Amino acid sequence: MGKRAPKPVGRSAAEARRGRRRDPEYRATQERLAPFEGIARFVIMRRAELGFTQEQLAERMGTSHSAISRIETGQHRTSVATLERLAHALDVRFVMGFETGPREAPVRELVSL
């Protein structure tokens, strides 16, 4: 008879993901960062459309490559002032908004900055 394969130490990646999803602190962090992940996706797509490297975008913004990298991870808060500079560097308008009413049918008021 052959030897049994050793069992892995710890949990599988799938088990770890399931555990994190059930963790209220993890879920709260994910909810808090969701808007920044959306910003990150937009910045990456727009930068690619324009054919800019992170370094080129940083130069247009007057910031560092590492600052662009942090924005594009979606894991860091980005100030309104930085978002305004980012919009200018990406040749887009920066729009902020407010919502009232129920989440299912919000009424939005947008302001272009």
C-alpha atoms as a PDB file:
ATOM      1  CA  MET A   1       0.000   0.000   0.000  1.00  0.00           C
ATOM      2  CA  GLY A   2       1.126   3.510  -0.784  1.00  0.00           C
ATOM      3  CA  LYS A   3       1.730   6.257   1.668  1.00  0.00           C
ATOM      4  CA  ARG A   4      -0.981   8.792   2.341  1.00  0.00           C
ATOM      5  CA  ALA A   5      -0.341  12.302   1.154  1.00  0.00           C
ATOM      6  CA  PRO A   6       0.341  14.687   4.025  1.00  0.00           C
ATOM      7  CA  LYS A   7      -2.492  17.007   4.959  1.00  0.00           C
ATOM      8  CA  PRO A   8      -1.833  20.689   4.420  1.00  0.00           C
ATOM      9  CA  VAL A   9      -1.209  22.822   7.451  1.00  0.00           C
ATOM     10  CA  GLY A  10      -3.904  25.399   8.169  1.00  0.00           C
ATOM     11  CA  ARG A  11      -6.959  26.204   6.098  1.00  0.00           C
ATOM     12  CA  SER A  12      -7.386  26.240   2.351  1.00  0.00           C
ATOM     13  CA  ALA A  13      -7.674  29.582   0.578  1.00  0.00           C
ATOM     14  CA  ALA A  14     -11.390  28.968  -0.008  1.00  0.00           C
ATOM     15  CA  GLU A  15     -11.952  28.251   3.693  1.00  0.00           C
ATOM     16  CA  ALA A  16     -10.049  31.396   4.642  1.00  0.00           C
ATOM     17  CA  ARG A  17     -12.162  33.499   2.231  1.00  0.00           C
ATOM     18  CA  ARG A  18     -15.383  32.078   3.661  1.00  0.00           C
ATOM     19  CA  GLY A  19     -14.173  32.855   7.164  1.00  0.00           C
ATOM     20  CA  ARG A  20     -13.278  36.438   6.264  1.00  0.00           C
ATOM     21  CA  ARG A  21     -16.659  37.031   4.638  1.00  0.00           C
ATOM     22  CA  ARG A  22     -18.379  36.039   7.878  1.00  0.00           C
ATOM     23  CA  ASP A  23     -16.160  38.325   9.953  1.00  0.00           C
ATOM     24  CA  PRO A  24     -18.089  41.565  10.703  1.00  0.00           C
ATOM     25  CA  GLU A  25     -14.900  43.628  10.903  1.00  0.00           C
ATOM     26  CA  TYR A  26     -13.759  42.370   7.500  1.00  0.00           C
ATOM     27  CA  ARG A  27     -17.173  43.099   5.964  1.00  0.00           C
ATOM     28  CA  ALA A  28     -17.196  46.599   7.460  1.00  0.00           C
ATOM     29  CA  THR A  29     -13.762  47.295   5.987  1.00  0.00           C
ATOM     30  CA  GLN A  30     -14.872  46.004   2.579  1.00  0.00           C
ATOM     31  CA  GLU A  31     -17.955  48.243   2.647  1.00  0.00           C
ATOM     32  CA  ARG A  32     -15.864  51.249   3.686  1.00  0.00           C
ATOM     33  CA  LEU A  33     -13.364  50.688   0.864  1.00  0.00           C
ATOM     34  CA  ALA A  34     -15.888  49.855  -1.880  1.00  0.00           C
ATOM     35  CA  PRO A  35     -16.088  53.443  -3.214  1.00  0.00           C
ATOM     36  CA  PHE A  36     -12.295  53.664  -3.400  1.00  0.00           C
ATOM     37  CA  GLU A  37     -12.151  50.392  -5.313  1.00  0.00           C
ATOM     38  CA  GLY A  38     -14.581  51.911  -7.815  1.00  0.00           C
ATOM     39  CA  ILE A  39     -12.343  54.954  -8.145  1.00  0.00           C
ATOM     40  CA  ALA A  40      -9.349  52.664  -8.630  1.00  0.00           C
ATOM     41  CA  ARG A  41     -11.054  50.752 -11.451  1.00  0.00           C
ATOM     42  CA  PHE A  42     -11.998  54.005 -13.179  1.00  0.00           C
ATOM     43  CA  VAL A  43      -8.497  55.480 -12.856  1.00  0.00           C
ATOM     44  CA  ILE A  44      -6.865  52.336 -14.231  1.00  0.00           C
ATOM     45  CA  MET A  45      -9.258  52.165 -17.194  1.00  0.00           C
ATOM     46  CA  ARG A  46      -9.017  55.881 -17.995  1.00  0.00           C
ATOM     47  CA  ARG A  47      -5.235  55.899 -17.659  1.00  0.00           C
ATOM     48  CA  ALA A  48      -5.070  52.941 -20.058  1.00  0.00           C
ATOM     49  CA  GLU A  49      -7.423  54.697 -22.514  1.00  0.00           C
ATOM     50  CA  LEU A  50      -5.106  57.701 -22.520  1.00  0.00           C
ATOM     51  CA  GLY A  51      -2.028  55.491 -22.826  1.00  0.00           C
ATOM     52  CA  PHE A  52      -0.430  56.904 -19.673  1.00  0.00           C
ATOM     53  CA  THR A  53       1.890  55.048 -17.365  1.00  0.00           C
ATOM     54  CA  GLN A  54       1.512  55.583 -13.639  1.00  0.00           C
ATOM     55  CA  GLU A  55       4.619  57.742 -13.802  1.00  0.00           C
ATOM     56  CA  GLN A  56       3.151  59.930 -16.546  1.00  0.00           C
ATOM     57  CA  LEU A  57      -0.113  60.364 -14.655  1.00  0.00           C
ATOM     58  CA  ALA A  58       1.825  61.231 -11.507  1.00  0.00           C
ATOM     59  CA  GLU A  59       3.773  63.873 -13.409  1.00  0.00           C
ATOM     60  CA  ARG A  60       0.558  65.396 -14.789  1.00  0.00           C
ATOM     61  CA  MET A  61      -0.814  65.545 -11.235  1.00  0.00           C
ATOM     62  CA  GLY A  62       2.364  66.805  -9.645  1.00  0.00           C
ATOM     63  CA  THR A  63       2.594  63.811  -7.342  1.00  0.00           C
ATOM     64  CA  SER A  64       4.603  60.627  -6.969  1.00  0.00           C
ATOM     65  CA  HIS A  65       4.294  57.314  -8.746  1.00  0.00           C
ATOM     66  CA  SER A  66       3.650  55.680  -5.370  1.00  0.00           C
ATOM     67  CA  ALA A  67       0.650  57.979  -4.796  1.00  0.00           C
ATOM     68  CA  ILE A  68      -0.884  56.796  -8.078  1.00  0.00           C
ATOM     69  CA  SER A  69      -0.135  53.214  -7.142  1.00  0.00           C
ATOM     70  CA  ARG A  70      -1.940  53.662  -3.802  1.00  0.00           C
ATOM     71  CA  ILE A  71      -4.980  55.182  -5.536  1.00  0.00           C
ATOM     72  CA  GLU A  72      -5.074  52.300  -8.004  1.00  0.00           C
ATOM     73  CA  THR A  73      -5.066  49.662  -5.259  1.00  0.00           C
ATOM     74  CA  GLY A  74      -8.427  50.950  -4.029  1.00  0.00           C
ATOM     75  CA  GLN A  75      -7.313  50.322  -0.461  1.00  0.00           C
ATOM     76  CA  HIS A  76      -6.684  53.925   0.573  1.00  0.00           C
ATOM     77  CA  ARG A  77      -8.885  56.939   1.136  1.00  0.00           C
ATOM     78  CA  THR A  78      -8.363  59.661  -1.434  1.00  0.00           C
ATOM     79  CA  SER A  79      -8.990  63.303  -0.553  1.00  0.00           C
ATOM     80  CA  VAL A  80     -11.322  65.535  -2.539  1.00  0.00           C
ATOM     81  CA  ALA A  81      -8.369  67.748  -3.483  1.00  0.00           C
ATOM     82  CA  THR A  82      -6.518  64.726  -4.873  1.00  0.00           C
ATOM     83  CA  LEU A  83      -9.608  63.584  -6.769  1.00  0.00           C
ATOM     84  CA  GLU A  84      -9.910  67.051  -8.327  1.00  0.00           C
ATOM     85  CA  ARG A  85      -6.270  66.961  -9.465  1.00  0.00           C
ATOM     86  CA  LEU A  86      -6.750  63.415 -10.695  1.00  0.00           C
ATOM     87  CA  ALA A  87      -9.791  64.396 -12.760  1.00  0.00           C
ATOM     88  CA  HIS A  88      -7.867  67.268 -14.328  1.00  0.00           C
ATOM     89  CA  ALA A  89      -4.913  64.985 -15.139  1.00  0.00           C
ATOM     90  CA  LEU A  90      -7.264  62.399 -16.696  1.00  0.00           C
ATOM     91  CA  ASP A  91      -9.182  65.030 -18.710  1.00  0.00           C
ATOM     92  CA  VAL A  92     -12.504  64.277 -17.016  1.00  0.00           C
ATOM     93  CA  ARG A  93     -14.904  66.250 -14.821  1.00  0.00           C
ATOM     94  CA  PHE A  94     -14.999  65.496 -11.106  1.00  0.00           C
ATOM     95  CA  VAL A  95     -18.573  65.178  -9.897  1.00  0.00           C
ATOM     96  CA  MET A  96     -19.698  64.759  -6.296  1.00  0.00           C
ATOM     97  CA  GLY A  97     -23.171  63.947  -5.181  1.00  0.00           C
ATOM     98  CA  PHE A  98     -25.616  63.481  -2.382  1.00  0.00           C
ATOM     99  CA  GLU A  99     -28.445  60.989  -2.094  1.00  0.00           C
ATOM    100  CA  THR A 100     -31.723  61.164  -0.244  1.00  0.00           C
ATOM    101  CA  GLY A 101     -34.540  58.689  -0.023  1.00  0.00           C
ATOM    102  CA  PRO A 102     -34.391  54.923   0.225  1.00  0.00           C
ATOM    103  CA  ARG A 103     -31.364  52.999  -1.036  1.00  0.00           C
ATOM    104  CA  GLU A 104     -33.588  51.149  -3.505  1.00  0.00           C
ATOM    105  CA  ALA A 105     -34.695  54.388  -5.201  1.00  0.00           C
ATOM    106  CA  PRO A 106     -32.335  57.199  -4.212  1.00  0.00           C
ATOM    107  CA  VAL A 107     -32.735  60.766  -5.360  1.00  0.00           C
ATOM    108  CA  ARG A 108     -29.338  62.080  -6.423  1.00  0.00           C
ATOM    109  CA  GLU A 109     -28.048  65.622  -6.517  1.00  0.00           C
ATOM    110  CA  LEU A 110     -24.754  65.921  -8.390  1.00  0.00           C
ATOM    111  CA  VAL A 111     -22.343  68.831  -8.463  1.00  0.00           C
ATOM    112  CA  SER A 112     -19.503  69.158 -10.953  1.00  0.00           C
ATOM    113  CA  LEU A 113     -16.326  70.558  -9.410  1.00  0.00           C
END
